[in-house]
Amino acid sequence: MVGGKAENLLDRLPDSVRSGLGSATEQALRLAMGAATRSRRAVPDQSPQANRMMSAAMGAAGGVGGLPGALVELPATTAFLLRTIQGVAAEHGFDPEAESVTFDCIRVFAAAGPLAHDDGADLGFLSLRLSLSGGALQKLIAQVAPKLGVVMGQKLAAQAVPVLGAVAGATTNYVFSGYYQQMAQVHFGLRRLAIDADVPHEDMVHQLQLRLQPAVSKG
């Protein structure tokens, strides 16, 4: 939901500003992808659960420091998440350093999912992390903490920000790390299936959409 709102706000910006943000984001993701690729040469891929726990630890460390901490931690987390997506690509027999696979890894990170109802949330992770680390989290605490006592409310709110920031950062990273690994399994699993079955990848995705759409509608 936060990602969709952020995307709607970006649509209202002038074209020149939006194009500048797009190119800057692409460059940042490519830098993060380079860091992820270099890390794979030094450290072997880990299990999905280990990846989620490591991501949660990084989120907790960034969340403690509020927005400044998140701005320092997020680039490292982004590189780490791209690294886990690369690991899934390798699991399905693709070379993570190939240009086409690099492009697909970034697509997995940027995309919400293969179904139409997922559209409009490709900034979900970054938007949510920044909002939970900044003024939105402090506002939430300010609304809740005073109910514990008028005198102690402000003090408790101030003391709770680092703790709740760490919890929010860890939880968000943990959930999204699993999400991206699942999306990578879908994306590269379909690519491998398309190659093995000699069917265009786009047709394979379309068939998946047709099979899952009724289930999504009923849900």
N, C-alpha and C. Protein backbone atom coordinates (compact mmCIF):
# COMPACT_ATOMS: atom_id res chain seq x y z
N MET A 1 0.83 -1.20 0.00
CA MET A 1 0.00 0.00 0.00
C MET A 1 0.87 1.26 0.00
N VAL A 2 1.92 1.24 0.83
CA VAL A 2 2.81 2.40 0.88
C VAL A 2 3.52 2.59 -0.45
N GLY A 3 3.95 1.47 -1.06
CA GLY A 3 4.62 1.56 -2.35
C GLY A 3 3.72 2.13 -3.42
N GLY A 4 2.46 1.70 -3.42
CA GLY A 4 1.52 2.23 -4.40
C GLY A 4 1.30 3.72 -4.23
N LYS A 5 1.20 4.18 -2.98
CA LYS A 5 1.02 5.61 -2.74
C LYS A 5 2.24 6.39 -3.20
N ALA A 6 3.42 5.85 -2.92
CA ALA A 6 4.65 6.54 -3.34
C ALA A 6 4.72 6.63 -4.85
N GLU A 7 4.30 5.56 -5.52
CA GLU A 7 4.34 5.57 -6.98
C GLU A 7 3.37 6.59 -7.55
N ASN A 8 2.20 6.73 -6.92
CA ASN A 8 1.23 7.73 -7.37
C ASN A 8 1.77 9.14 -7.20
N LEU A 9 2.50 9.37 -6.12
CA LEU A 9 3.09 10.69 -5.91
C LEU A 9 4.16 10.98 -6.96
N LEU A 10 4.94 9.96 -7.30
CA LEU A 10 5.97 10.15 -8.31
C LEU A 10 5.37 10.49 -9.67
N ASP A 11 4.20 9.93 -9.95
CA ASP A 11 3.54 10.20 -11.23
C ASP A 11 3.17 11.67 -11.38
N ARG A 12 3.04 12.39 -10.28
CA ARG A 12 2.65 13.80 -10.34
C ARG A 12 3.84 14.73 -10.57
N LEU A 13 5.04 14.19 -10.48
CA LEU A 13 6.22 15.03 -10.68
C LEU A 13 6.39 15.36 -12.16
N PRO A 14 7.08 16.46 -12.45
CA PRO A 14 7.38 16.78 -13.85
C PRO A 14 8.18 15.67 -14.52
N ASP A 15 8.01 15.54 -15.83
CA ASP A 15 8.68 14.46 -16.56
C ASP A 15 10.20 14.52 -16.38
N SER A 16 10.76 15.72 -16.40
CA SER A 16 12.21 15.85 -16.28
C SER A 16 12.70 15.34 -14.93
N VAL A 17 11.93 15.61 -13.87
CA VAL A 17 12.31 15.14 -12.54
C VAL A 17 12.17 13.63 -12.44
N ARG A 18 11.06 13.12 -12.98
CA ARG A 18 10.83 11.68 -12.91
C ARG A 18 11.90 10.90 -13.68
N SER A 19 12.29 11.41 -14.84
CA SER A 19 13.32 10.72 -15.61
C SER A 19 14.64 10.73 -14.87
N GLY A 20 14.92 11.84 -14.18
CA GLY A 20 16.15 11.91 -13.40
C GLY A 20 16.16 10.93 -12.25
N LEU A 21 15.00 10.79 -11.57
CA LEU A 21 14.89 9.82 -10.49
C LEU A 21 15.04 8.40 -11.02
N GLY A 22 14.45 8.16 -12.18
CA GLY A 22 14.53 6.83 -12.76
C GLY A 22 15.96 6.43 -13.09
N SER A 23 16.69 7.33 -13.70
CA SER A 23 18.08 7.02 -14.07
C SER A 23 18.95 6.88 -12.83
N ALA A 24 18.69 7.72 -11.81
CA ALA A 24 19.47 7.62 -10.58
C ALA A 24 19.20 6.30 -9.86
N THR A 25 17.93 5.88 -9.85
CA THR A 25 17.58 4.62 -9.21
C THR A 25 18.21 3.45 -9.95
N GLU A 26 18.17 3.50 -11.28
CA GLU A 26 18.78 2.44 -12.08
C GLU A 26 20.28 2.34 -11.82
N GLN A 27 20.94 3.50 -11.76
CA GLN A 27 22.37 3.51 -11.50
C GLN A 27 22.67 2.94 -10.12
N ALA A 28 21.86 3.32 -9.12
CA ALA A 28 22.05 2.82 -7.76
C ALA A 28 21.88 1.30 -7.70
N LEU A 29 20.87 0.79 -8.41
CA LEU A 29 20.64 -0.65 -8.42
C LEU A 29 21.78 -1.39 -9.11
N ARG A 30 22.32 -0.80 -10.15
CA ARG A 30 23.44 -1.44 -10.84
C ARG A 30 24.68 -1.47 -9.95
N LEU A 31 24.89 -0.40 -9.19
CA LEU A 31 26.01 -0.39 -8.24
C LEU A 31 25.80 -1.45 -7.16
N ALA A 32 24.56 -1.56 -6.68
CA ALA A 32 24.25 -2.57 -5.69
C ALA A 32 24.43 -3.97 -6.27
N MET A 33 24.06 -4.15 -7.54
CA MET A 33 24.22 -5.43 -8.19
C MET A 33 25.71 -5.79 -8.32
N GLY A 34 26.53 -4.79 -8.62
CA GLY A 34 27.97 -5.03 -8.69
C GLY A 34 28.52 -5.49 -7.35
N ALA A 35 28.06 -4.86 -6.27
CA ALA A 35 28.50 -5.28 -4.94
C ALA A 35 28.03 -6.69 -4.62
N ALA A 36 26.81 -7.01 -5.02
CA ALA A 36 26.28 -8.35 -4.80
C ALA A 36 27.10 -9.40 -5.55
N THR A 37 27.45 -9.08 -6.79
CA THR A 37 28.24 -10.02 -7.61
C THR A 37 29.61 -10.26 -6.99
N ARG A 38 30.25 -9.19 -6.53
CA ARG A 38 31.57 -9.35 -5.92
C ARG A 38 31.49 -10.17 -4.64
N SER A 39 30.43 -10.02 -3.89
CA SER A 39 30.30 -10.77 -2.63
C SER A 39 30.15 -12.26 -2.90
N ARG A 40 29.53 -12.63 -4.02
CA ARG A 40 29.34 -14.04 -4.34
C ARG A 40 30.66 -14.73 -4.63
N ARG A 41 31.65 -13.96 -5.07
CA ARG A 41 32.96 -14.54 -5.35
C ARG A 41 33.73 -14.84 -4.07
N ALA A 42 33.33 -14.19 -2.97
CA ALA A 42 34.05 -14.36 -1.70
C ALA A 42 33.30 -15.24 -0.72
N VAL A 43 31.98 -15.17 -0.74
CA VAL A 43 31.16 -15.90 0.24
C VAL A 43 30.14 -16.75 -0.51
N PRO A 44 30.03 -18.04 -0.21
CA PRO A 44 29.07 -18.89 -0.92
C PRO A 44 27.63 -18.52 -0.57
N ASP A 45 26.70 -18.94 -1.44
CA ASP A 45 25.28 -18.70 -1.18
C ASP A 45 24.85 -19.43 0.08
N GLN A 46 23.92 -18.80 0.81
CA GLN A 46 23.40 -19.37 2.04
C GLN A 46 21.98 -19.88 1.83
N SER A 47 21.47 -20.56 2.85
CA SER A 47 20.09 -21.06 2.79
C SER A 47 19.11 -19.90 2.84
N PRO A 48 17.90 -20.08 2.33
CA PRO A 48 16.90 -19.01 2.38
C PRO A 48 16.66 -18.48 3.79
N GLN A 49 16.60 -19.38 4.78
CA GLN A 49 16.34 -18.95 6.15
C GLN A 49 17.51 -18.13 6.69
N ALA A 50 18.75 -18.54 6.37
CA ALA A 50 19.92 -17.77 6.80
C ALA A 50 19.91 -16.39 6.17
N ASN A 51 19.51 -16.32 4.91
CA ASN A 51 19.41 -15.02 4.25
C ASN A 51 18.39 -14.12 4.94
N ARG A 52 17.28 -14.68 5.33
CA ARG A 52 16.24 -13.88 5.99
C ARG A 52 16.71 -13.39 7.35
N MET A 53 17.41 -14.23 8.08
CA MET A 53 17.89 -13.82 9.40
C MET A 53 18.96 -12.73 9.26
N MET A 54 19.83 -12.86 8.29
CA MET A 54 20.86 -11.84 8.07
C MET A 54 20.21 -10.52 7.66
N SER A 55 19.22 -10.59 6.79
CA SER A 55 18.52 -9.39 6.37
C SER A 55 17.83 -8.72 7.55
N ALA A 56 17.22 -9.53 8.43
CA ALA A 56 16.55 -8.98 9.61
C ALA A 56 17.55 -8.27 10.53
N ALA A 57 18.73 -8.87 10.69
CA ALA A 57 19.76 -8.25 11.53
C ALA A 57 20.20 -6.91 10.96
N MET A 58 20.34 -6.84 9.65
CA MET A 58 20.71 -5.59 9.01
C MET A 58 19.61 -4.54 9.20
N GLY A 59 18.35 -4.97 9.07
CA GLY A 59 17.24 -4.04 9.26
C GLY A 59 17.16 -3.52 10.68
N ALA A 60 17.44 -4.38 11.64
CA ALA A 60 17.43 -3.95 13.04
C ALA A 60 18.51 -2.91 13.30
N ALA A 61 19.69 -3.16 12.75
CA ALA A 61 20.79 -2.21 12.93
C ALA A 61 20.46 -0.87 12.31
N GLY A 62 19.86 -0.87 11.14
CA GLY A 62 19.49 0.39 10.50
C GLY A 62 18.33 1.07 11.18
N GLY A 63 17.37 0.28 11.69
CA GLY A 63 16.19 0.86 12.32
C GLY A 63 16.48 1.57 13.63
N VAL A 64 17.49 1.11 14.35
CA VAL A 64 17.85 1.74 15.62
C VAL A 64 18.22 3.20 15.41
N GLY A 65 18.88 3.49 14.29
CA GLY A 65 19.36 4.84 14.03
C GLY A 65 18.35 5.75 13.37
N GLY A 66 17.07 5.29 13.24
CA GLY A 66 16.06 6.13 12.61
C GLY A 66 16.34 6.32 11.13
N LEU A 67 15.88 7.43 10.59
CA LEU A 67 16.05 7.68 9.16
C LEU A 67 17.51 7.76 8.74
N PRO A 68 18.39 8.45 9.48
CA PRO A 68 19.81 8.46 9.09
C PRO A 68 20.41 7.06 9.05
N GLY A 69 20.05 6.24 10.04
CA GLY A 69 20.56 4.87 10.05
C GLY A 69 20.04 4.06 8.90
N ALA A 70 18.76 4.25 8.55
CA ALA A 70 18.18 3.53 7.43
C ALA A 70 18.84 3.92 6.12
N LEU A 71 19.15 5.20 5.95
CA LEU A 71 19.78 5.65 4.71
C LEU A 71 21.17 5.05 4.54
N VAL A 72 21.84 4.75 5.65
CA VAL A 72 23.15 4.10 5.58
C VAL A 72 22.99 2.61 5.32
N GLU A 73 21.99 2.01 5.97
CA GLU A 73 21.81 0.56 5.90
C GLU A 73 21.14 0.09 4.61
N LEU A 74 20.21 0.88 4.08
CA LEU A 74 19.42 0.43 2.93
C LEU A 74 20.24 0.06 1.70
N PRO A 75 21.28 0.82 1.33
CA PRO A 75 22.08 0.38 0.18
C PRO A 75 22.70 -1.00 0.39
N ALA A 76 23.19 -1.26 1.62
CA ALA A 76 23.77 -2.57 1.91
C ALA A 76 22.70 -3.65 1.86
N THR A 77 21.52 -3.35 2.40
CA THR A 77 20.43 -4.32 2.37
C THR A 77 19.98 -4.59 0.94
N THR A 78 19.91 -3.54 0.13
CA THR A 78 19.53 -3.71 -1.28
C THR A 78 20.50 -4.63 -1.99
N ALA A 79 21.81 -4.42 -1.78
CA ALA A 79 22.81 -5.30 -2.38
C ALA A 79 22.65 -6.73 -1.87
N PHE A 80 22.35 -6.87 -0.59
CA PHE A 80 22.17 -8.21 -0.02
C PHE A 80 20.96 -8.91 -0.62
N LEU A 81 19.85 -8.17 -0.78
CA LEU A 81 18.66 -8.77 -1.37
C LEU A 81 18.90 -9.17 -2.83
N LEU A 82 19.62 -8.32 -3.56
CA LEU A 82 19.97 -8.67 -4.93
C LEU A 82 20.86 -9.92 -4.95
N ARG A 83 21.71 -10.04 -3.96
CA ARG A 83 22.57 -11.21 -3.85
C ARG A 83 21.74 -12.48 -3.65
N THR A 84 20.70 -12.41 -2.83
CA THR A 84 19.85 -13.59 -2.62
C THR A 84 19.08 -13.94 -3.90
N ILE A 85 18.69 -12.92 -4.67
CA ILE A 85 18.02 -13.18 -5.94
C ILE A 85 18.99 -13.84 -6.92
N GLN A 86 20.24 -13.38 -6.94
CA GLN A 86 21.26 -14.02 -7.77
C GLN A 86 21.42 -15.49 -7.40
N GLY A 87 21.37 -15.77 -6.10
CA GLY A 87 21.52 -17.16 -5.65
C GLY A 87 20.42 -18.05 -6.21
N VAL A 88 19.20 -17.51 -6.28
CA VAL A 88 18.09 -18.29 -6.85
C VAL A 88 18.32 -18.50 -8.34
N ALA A 89 18.83 -17.46 -9.02
CA ALA A 89 19.12 -17.60 -10.45
C ALA A 89 20.14 -18.72 -10.68
N ALA A 90 21.18 -18.73 -9.86
CA ALA A 90 22.20 -19.78 -9.99
C ALA A 90 21.61 -21.15 -9.70
N GLU A 91 20.70 -21.21 -8.73
CA GLU A 91 20.05 -22.48 -8.38
C GLU A 91 19.31 -23.08 -9.58
N HIS A 92 18.79 -22.21 -10.45
CA HIS A 92 18.06 -22.68 -11.63
C HIS A 92 18.96 -22.80 -12.86
N GLY A 93 20.26 -22.70 -12.65
CA GLY A 93 21.19 -22.95 -13.74
C GLY A 93 21.59 -21.75 -14.56
N PHE A 94 21.31 -20.53 -14.10
CA PHE A 94 21.66 -19.33 -14.83
C PHE A 94 22.92 -18.70 -14.24
N ASP A 95 23.68 -18.04 -15.09
CA ASP A 95 24.90 -17.37 -14.66
C ASP A 95 24.55 -15.99 -14.11
N PRO A 96 24.71 -15.75 -12.80
CA PRO A 96 24.33 -14.46 -12.23
C PRO A 96 25.09 -13.27 -12.80
N GLU A 97 26.26 -13.53 -13.41
CA GLU A 97 27.05 -12.43 -13.96
C GLU A 97 26.72 -12.12 -15.41
N ALA A 98 25.89 -12.95 -16.04
CA ALA A 98 25.46 -12.67 -17.41
C ALA A 98 24.58 -11.43 -17.43
N GLU A 99 24.73 -10.63 -18.47
CA GLU A 99 24.02 -9.35 -18.53
C GLU A 99 22.51 -9.55 -18.48
N SER A 100 22.00 -10.56 -19.19
CA SER A 100 20.56 -10.79 -19.21
C SER A 100 20.04 -11.20 -17.82
N VAL A 101 20.84 -11.98 -17.09
CA VAL A 101 20.44 -12.41 -15.75
C VAL A 101 20.51 -11.25 -14.77
N THR A 102 21.53 -10.40 -14.94
CA THR A 102 21.62 -9.20 -14.12
C THR A 102 20.38 -8.34 -14.29
N PHE A 103 19.96 -8.18 -15.52
CA PHE A 103 18.74 -7.42 -15.82
C PHE A 103 17.53 -8.05 -15.14
N ASP A 104 17.44 -9.38 -15.21
CA ASP A 104 16.30 -10.07 -14.61
C ASP A 104 16.31 -9.95 -13.08
N CYS A 105 17.49 -9.99 -12.47
CA CYS A 105 17.59 -9.85 -11.02
C CYS A 105 17.06 -8.49 -10.57
N ILE A 106 17.41 -7.45 -11.32
CA ILE A 106 16.91 -6.11 -10.99
C ILE A 106 15.41 -6.05 -11.21
N ARG A 107 14.92 -6.72 -12.25
CA ARG A 107 13.48 -6.76 -12.50
C ARG A 107 12.75 -7.41 -11.34
N VAL A 108 13.30 -8.49 -10.81
CA VAL A 108 12.67 -9.18 -9.68
C VAL A 108 12.61 -8.24 -8.47
N PHE A 109 13.70 -7.51 -8.23
CA PHE A 109 13.73 -6.61 -7.08
C PHE A 109 12.76 -5.44 -7.27
N ALA A 110 12.63 -4.97 -8.50
CA ALA A 110 11.80 -3.79 -8.77
C ALA A 110 10.33 -4.14 -8.93
N ALA A 111 10.02 -5.37 -9.32
CA ALA A 111 8.64 -5.73 -9.63
C ALA A 111 7.92 -6.25 -8.41
N ALA A 112 6.61 -6.04 -8.39
CA ALA A 112 5.80 -6.53 -7.29
C ALA A 112 5.49 -8.01 -7.44
N GLY A 113 5.30 -8.48 -8.66
CA GLY A 113 4.96 -9.87 -8.88
C GLY A 113 4.41 -10.07 -10.27
N PRO A 114 4.10 -11.32 -10.65
CA PRO A 114 3.67 -11.61 -12.02
C PRO A 114 2.20 -11.35 -12.29
N LEU A 115 1.41 -11.04 -11.27
CA LEU A 115 -0.03 -10.88 -11.46
C LEU A 115 -0.42 -9.41 -11.55
N ALA A 116 -1.53 -9.14 -12.21
CA ALA A 116 -1.94 -7.76 -12.45
C ALA A 116 -2.24 -7.01 -11.16
N HIS A 117 -2.79 -7.72 -10.13
CA HIS A 117 -3.17 -7.01 -8.90
C HIS A 117 -1.94 -6.58 -8.10
N ASP A 118 -0.75 -7.04 -8.48
CA ASP A 118 0.47 -6.63 -7.80
C ASP A 118 1.03 -5.33 -8.33
N ASP A 119 0.53 -4.85 -9.46
CA ASP A 119 1.08 -3.66 -10.08
C ASP A 119 0.92 -2.44 -9.18
N GLY A 120 1.85 -1.51 -9.29
CA GLY A 120 1.77 -0.28 -8.51
C GLY A 120 2.46 -0.34 -7.17
N ALA A 121 3.28 -1.38 -6.93
CA ALA A 121 3.95 -1.50 -5.65
C ALA A 121 5.44 -1.81 -5.81
N ASP A 122 6.02 -1.39 -6.93
CA ASP A 122 7.41 -1.74 -7.17
C ASP A 122 8.38 -0.90 -6.34
N LEU A 123 7.87 0.07 -5.58
CA LEU A 123 8.71 0.80 -4.63
C LEU A 123 8.37 0.40 -3.20
N GLY A 124 7.62 -0.68 -3.05
CA GLY A 124 7.09 -1.05 -1.74
C GLY A 124 8.13 -1.18 -0.66
N PHE A 125 9.21 -1.92 -0.91
CA PHE A 125 10.20 -2.18 0.13
C PHE A 125 10.88 -0.89 0.58
N LEU A 126 11.42 -0.14 -0.37
CA LEU A 126 12.16 1.07 -0.01
C LEU A 126 11.23 2.11 0.63
N SER A 127 10.03 2.26 0.08
CA SER A 127 9.08 3.23 0.63
C SER A 127 8.70 2.87 2.06
N LEU A 128 8.43 1.60 2.29
CA LEU A 128 8.02 1.17 3.61
C LEU A 128 9.15 1.35 4.62
N ARG A 129 10.36 0.97 4.25
CA ARG A 129 11.49 1.11 5.17
C ARG A 129 11.73 2.57 5.54
N LEU A 130 11.68 3.45 4.56
CA LEU A 130 11.93 4.86 4.83
C LEU A 130 10.83 5.46 5.68
N SER A 131 9.59 5.07 5.44
CA SER A 131 8.49 5.63 6.23
C SER A 131 8.51 5.10 7.66
N LEU A 132 8.84 3.83 7.84
CA LEU A 132 8.89 3.27 9.18
C LEU A 132 10.09 3.76 9.98
N SER A 133 11.08 4.30 9.30
CA SER A 133 12.27 4.79 9.99
C SER A 133 12.22 6.30 10.23
N GLY A 134 11.24 6.96 9.66
CA GLY A 134 11.20 8.42 9.75
C GLY A 134 10.04 8.93 10.57
N GLY A 135 9.44 9.99 10.08
CA GLY A 135 8.40 10.68 10.82
C GLY A 135 7.16 9.86 11.06
N ALA A 136 6.83 8.93 10.15
CA ALA A 136 5.60 8.14 10.32
C ALA A 136 5.67 7.28 11.57
N LEU A 137 6.83 6.66 11.82
CA LEU A 137 6.98 5.83 13.01
C LEU A 137 6.91 6.67 14.27
N GLN A 138 7.58 7.82 14.28
CA GLN A 138 7.55 8.69 15.44
C GLN A 138 6.13 9.18 15.72
N LYS A 139 5.39 9.48 14.66
CA LYS A 139 4.01 9.92 14.83
C LYS A 139 3.15 8.82 15.44
N LEU A 140 3.37 7.59 14.99
CA LEU A 140 2.62 6.46 15.52
C LEU A 140 2.90 6.28 17.00
N ILE A 141 4.17 6.35 17.37
CA ILE A 141 4.54 6.20 18.78
C ILE A 141 3.95 7.32 19.61
N ALA A 142 3.97 8.52 19.08
CA ALA A 142 3.43 9.67 19.81
C ALA A 142 1.95 9.52 20.07
N GLN A 143 1.24 8.82 19.18
CA GLN A 143 -0.20 8.62 19.35
C GLN A 143 -0.50 7.52 20.35
N VAL A 144 0.37 6.51 20.42
CA VAL A 144 0.10 5.35 21.26
C VAL A 144 0.66 5.52 22.67
N ALA A 145 1.91 5.97 22.77
CA ALA A 145 2.58 6.02 24.07
C ALA A 145 1.89 6.88 25.11
N PRO A 146 1.35 8.05 24.77
CA PRO A 146 0.71 8.87 25.81
C PRO A 146 -0.43 8.18 26.53
N LYS A 147 -1.02 7.15 25.93
CA LYS A 147 -2.10 6.44 26.60
C LYS A 147 -1.60 5.70 27.84
N LEU A 148 -0.30 5.49 27.91
CA LEU A 148 0.27 4.83 29.08
C LEU A 148 0.36 5.78 30.27
N GLY A 149 0.20 7.05 30.03
CA GLY A 149 0.27 8.02 31.12
C GLY A 149 0.65 9.37 30.58
N VAL A 150 -0.06 10.40 31.01
CA VAL A 150 0.19 11.74 30.50
C VAL A 150 1.61 12.19 30.84
N VAL A 151 2.07 11.91 32.04
CA VAL A 151 3.38 12.37 32.46
C VAL A 151 4.49 11.60 31.77
N MET A 152 4.33 10.28 31.69
CA MET A 152 5.39 9.44 31.15
C MET A 152 5.33 9.31 29.63
N GLY A 153 4.24 9.78 29.01
CA GLY A 153 4.04 9.54 27.60
C GLY A 153 5.16 10.01 26.71
N GLN A 154 5.55 11.28 26.83
CA GLN A 154 6.59 11.83 25.95
C GLN A 154 7.92 11.13 26.16
N LYS A 155 8.24 10.85 27.41
CA LYS A 155 9.51 10.18 27.70
C LYS A 155 9.52 8.77 27.11
N LEU A 156 8.41 8.06 27.30
CA LEU A 156 8.34 6.71 26.76
C LEU A 156 8.41 6.72 25.24
N ALA A 157 7.76 7.68 24.63
CA ALA A 157 7.79 7.77 23.18
C ALA A 157 9.20 7.99 22.67
N ALA A 158 9.92 8.90 23.33
CA ALA A 158 11.29 9.18 22.91
C ALA A 158 12.19 7.96 23.08
N GLN A 159 11.98 7.23 24.18
CA GLN A 159 12.82 6.05 24.44
C GLN A 159 12.45 4.88 23.54
N ALA A 160 11.19 4.85 23.09
CA ALA A 160 10.72 3.70 22.31
C ALA A 160 11.11 3.78 20.85
N VAL A 161 11.44 4.98 20.35
CA VAL A 161 11.73 5.13 18.93
C VAL A 161 12.84 4.19 18.45
N PRO A 162 14.02 4.15 19.10
CA PRO A 162 15.07 3.24 18.61
C PRO A 162 14.66 1.77 18.67
N VAL A 163 13.96 1.39 19.75
CA VAL A 163 13.58 -0.02 19.90
C VAL A 163 12.56 -0.42 18.83
N LEU A 164 11.50 0.38 18.69
CA LEU A 164 10.49 0.06 17.68
C LEU A 164 11.04 0.22 16.27
N GLY A 165 11.96 1.16 16.09
CA GLY A 165 12.61 1.29 14.79
C GLY A 165 13.38 0.03 14.42
N ALA A 166 14.07 -0.54 15.41
CA ALA A 166 14.81 -1.78 15.17
C ALA A 166 13.86 -2.93 14.85
N VAL A 167 12.75 -3.01 15.60
CA VAL A 167 11.77 -4.07 15.35
C VAL A 167 11.15 -3.92 13.96
N ALA A 168 10.79 -2.67 13.61
CA ALA A 168 10.18 -2.42 12.30
C ALA A 168 11.16 -2.74 11.17
N GLY A 169 12.41 -2.32 11.33
CA GLY A 169 13.42 -2.60 10.31
C GLY A 169 13.69 -4.08 10.15
N ALA A 170 13.81 -4.78 11.28
CA ALA A 170 14.08 -6.22 11.23
C ALA A 170 12.91 -6.97 10.61
N THR A 171 11.68 -6.62 11.02
CA THR A 171 10.50 -7.32 10.52
C THR A 171 10.31 -7.10 9.03
N THR A 172 10.45 -5.83 8.61
CA THR A 172 10.28 -5.52 7.18
C THR A 172 11.31 -6.25 6.34
N ASN A 173 12.56 -6.21 6.76
CA ASN A 173 13.61 -6.90 6.00
C ASN A 173 13.37 -8.40 5.95
N TYR A 174 12.94 -8.97 7.07
CA TYR A 174 12.71 -10.41 7.14
C TYR A 174 11.60 -10.83 6.16
N VAL A 175 10.51 -10.06 6.18
CA VAL A 175 9.37 -10.40 5.32
C VAL A 175 9.74 -10.22 3.85
N PHE A 176 10.35 -9.08 3.51
CA PHE A 176 10.66 -8.81 2.12
C PHE A 176 11.76 -9.72 1.59
N SER A 177 12.68 -10.13 2.45
CA SER A 177 13.72 -11.05 2.01
C SER A 177 13.10 -12.37 1.54
N GLY A 178 12.16 -12.89 2.32
CA GLY A 178 11.45 -14.10 1.90
C GLY A 178 10.63 -13.87 0.66
N TYR A 179 9.99 -12.70 0.58
CA TYR A 179 9.17 -12.36 -0.58
C TYR A 179 9.99 -12.34 -1.85
N TYR A 180 11.14 -11.65 -1.81
CA TYR A 180 11.97 -11.56 -3.01
C TYR A 180 12.53 -12.91 -3.42
N GLN A 181 12.86 -13.75 -2.46
CA GLN A 181 13.34 -15.08 -2.81
C GLN A 181 12.23 -15.89 -3.47
N GLN A 182 11.00 -15.74 -3.00
CA GLN A 182 9.88 -16.44 -3.63
C GLN A 182 9.63 -15.91 -5.04
N MET A 183 9.68 -14.59 -5.21
CA MET A 183 9.48 -14.00 -6.53
C MET A 183 10.58 -14.45 -7.49
N ALA A 184 11.80 -14.57 -6.97
CA ALA A 184 12.91 -15.03 -7.81
C ALA A 184 12.69 -16.47 -8.23
N GLN A 185 12.17 -17.30 -7.30
CA GLN A 185 11.88 -18.69 -7.65
C GLN A 185 10.84 -18.75 -8.77
N VAL A 186 9.82 -17.88 -8.69
CA VAL A 186 8.80 -17.85 -9.73
C VAL A 186 9.42 -17.40 -11.06
N HIS A 187 10.18 -16.30 -11.02
CA HIS A 187 10.71 -15.72 -12.25
C HIS A 187 11.69 -16.67 -12.94
N PHE A 188 12.69 -17.13 -12.20
CA PHE A 188 13.72 -17.96 -12.84
C PHE A 188 13.22 -19.39 -13.04
N GLY A 189 12.27 -19.82 -12.20
CA GLY A 189 11.66 -21.13 -12.45
C GLY A 189 10.90 -21.13 -13.77
N LEU A 190 10.18 -20.04 -14.05
CA LEU A 190 9.46 -19.92 -15.32
C LEU A 190 10.44 -19.83 -16.49
N ARG A 191 11.53 -19.11 -16.29
CA ARG A 191 12.53 -19.01 -17.37
C ARG A 191 13.10 -20.38 -17.70
N ARG A 192 13.44 -21.14 -16.67
CA ARG A 192 14.00 -22.48 -16.90
C ARG A 192 12.96 -23.38 -17.55
N LEU A 193 11.72 -23.31 -17.08
CA LEU A 193 10.66 -24.12 -17.65
C LEU A 193 10.42 -23.76 -19.11
N ALA A 194 10.48 -22.46 -19.42
CA ALA A 194 10.27 -22.02 -20.80
C ALA A 194 11.37 -22.55 -21.71
N ILE A 195 12.60 -22.54 -21.21
CA ILE A 195 13.74 -23.05 -21.99
C ILE A 195 13.59 -24.55 -22.21
N ASP A 196 13.29 -25.28 -21.13
CA ASP A 196 13.18 -26.74 -21.23
C ASP A 196 12.01 -27.16 -22.12
N ALA A 197 10.93 -26.38 -22.08
CA ALA A 197 9.74 -26.74 -22.87
C ALA A 197 9.74 -26.08 -24.24
N ASP A 198 10.76 -25.26 -24.51
CA ASP A 198 10.85 -24.53 -25.79
C ASP A 198 9.59 -23.70 -26.04
N VAL A 199 9.19 -22.96 -24.99
CA VAL A 199 8.03 -22.08 -25.06
C VAL A 199 8.49 -20.67 -24.72
N PRO A 200 8.05 -19.64 -25.47
CA PRO A 200 8.45 -18.27 -25.12
C PRO A 200 8.12 -17.93 -23.68
N HIS A 201 9.04 -17.22 -23.02
CA HIS A 201 8.87 -16.89 -21.61
C HIS A 201 7.58 -16.09 -21.37
N GLU A 202 7.28 -15.18 -22.28
CA GLU A 202 6.07 -14.36 -22.13
C GLU A 202 4.81 -15.23 -22.14
N ASP A 203 4.81 -16.26 -22.98
CA ASP A 203 3.65 -17.16 -23.04
C ASP A 203 3.53 -17.95 -21.73
N MET A 204 4.68 -18.33 -21.16
CA MET A 204 4.66 -19.08 -19.91
C MET A 204 4.09 -18.22 -18.78
N VAL A 205 4.49 -16.95 -18.73
CA VAL A 205 3.98 -16.04 -17.71
C VAL A 205 2.48 -15.84 -17.89
N HIS A 206 2.06 -15.70 -19.14
CA HIS A 206 0.63 -15.50 -19.42
C HIS A 206 -0.18 -16.71 -18.97
N GLN A 207 0.33 -17.92 -19.20
CA GLN A 207 -0.36 -19.12 -18.78
C GLN A 207 -0.48 -19.18 -17.25
N LEU A 208 0.60 -18.75 -16.57
CA LEU A 208 0.56 -18.71 -15.10
C LEU A 208 -0.51 -17.73 -14.62
N GLN A 209 -0.57 -16.57 -15.26
CA GLN A 209 -1.58 -15.58 -14.88
C GLN A 209 -2.99 -16.13 -15.05
N LEU A 210 -3.21 -16.84 -16.15
CA LEU A 210 -4.54 -17.39 -16.41
C LEU A 210 -4.91 -18.46 -15.37
N ARG A 211 -3.93 -19.25 -14.95
CA ARG A 211 -4.21 -20.32 -13.99
C ARG A 211 -4.45 -19.76 -12.59
N LEU A 212 -3.74 -18.70 -12.23
CA LEU A 212 -3.83 -18.17 -10.87
C LEU A 212 -4.93 -17.12 -10.69
N GLN A 213 -5.35 -16.51 -11.77
CA GLN A 213 -6.32 -15.41 -11.65
C GLN A 213 -7.61 -15.81 -10.95
N PRO A 214 -8.22 -16.97 -11.28
CA PRO A 214 -9.45 -17.35 -10.57
C PRO A 214 -9.25 -17.50 -9.08
N ALA A 215 -8.09 -18.08 -8.69
CA ALA A 215 -7.81 -18.28 -7.26
C ALA A 215 -7.65 -16.94 -6.56
N VAL A 216 -7.02 -15.99 -7.23
CA VAL A 216 -6.85 -14.67 -6.64
C VAL A 216 -8.19 -13.97 -6.48
N SER A 217 -9.06 -14.11 -7.50
CA SER A 217 -10.37 -13.47 -7.46
C SER A 217 -11.21 -14.04 -6.30
N LYS A 218 -11.17 -15.39 -6.12
CA LYS A 218 -11.93 -16.00 -5.04
C LYS A 218 -11.39 -15.56 -3.68
N GLY A 219 -10.04 -15.41 -3.59
CA GLY A 219 -9.46 -15.00 -2.33
C GLY A 219 -9.89 -13.61 -1.94
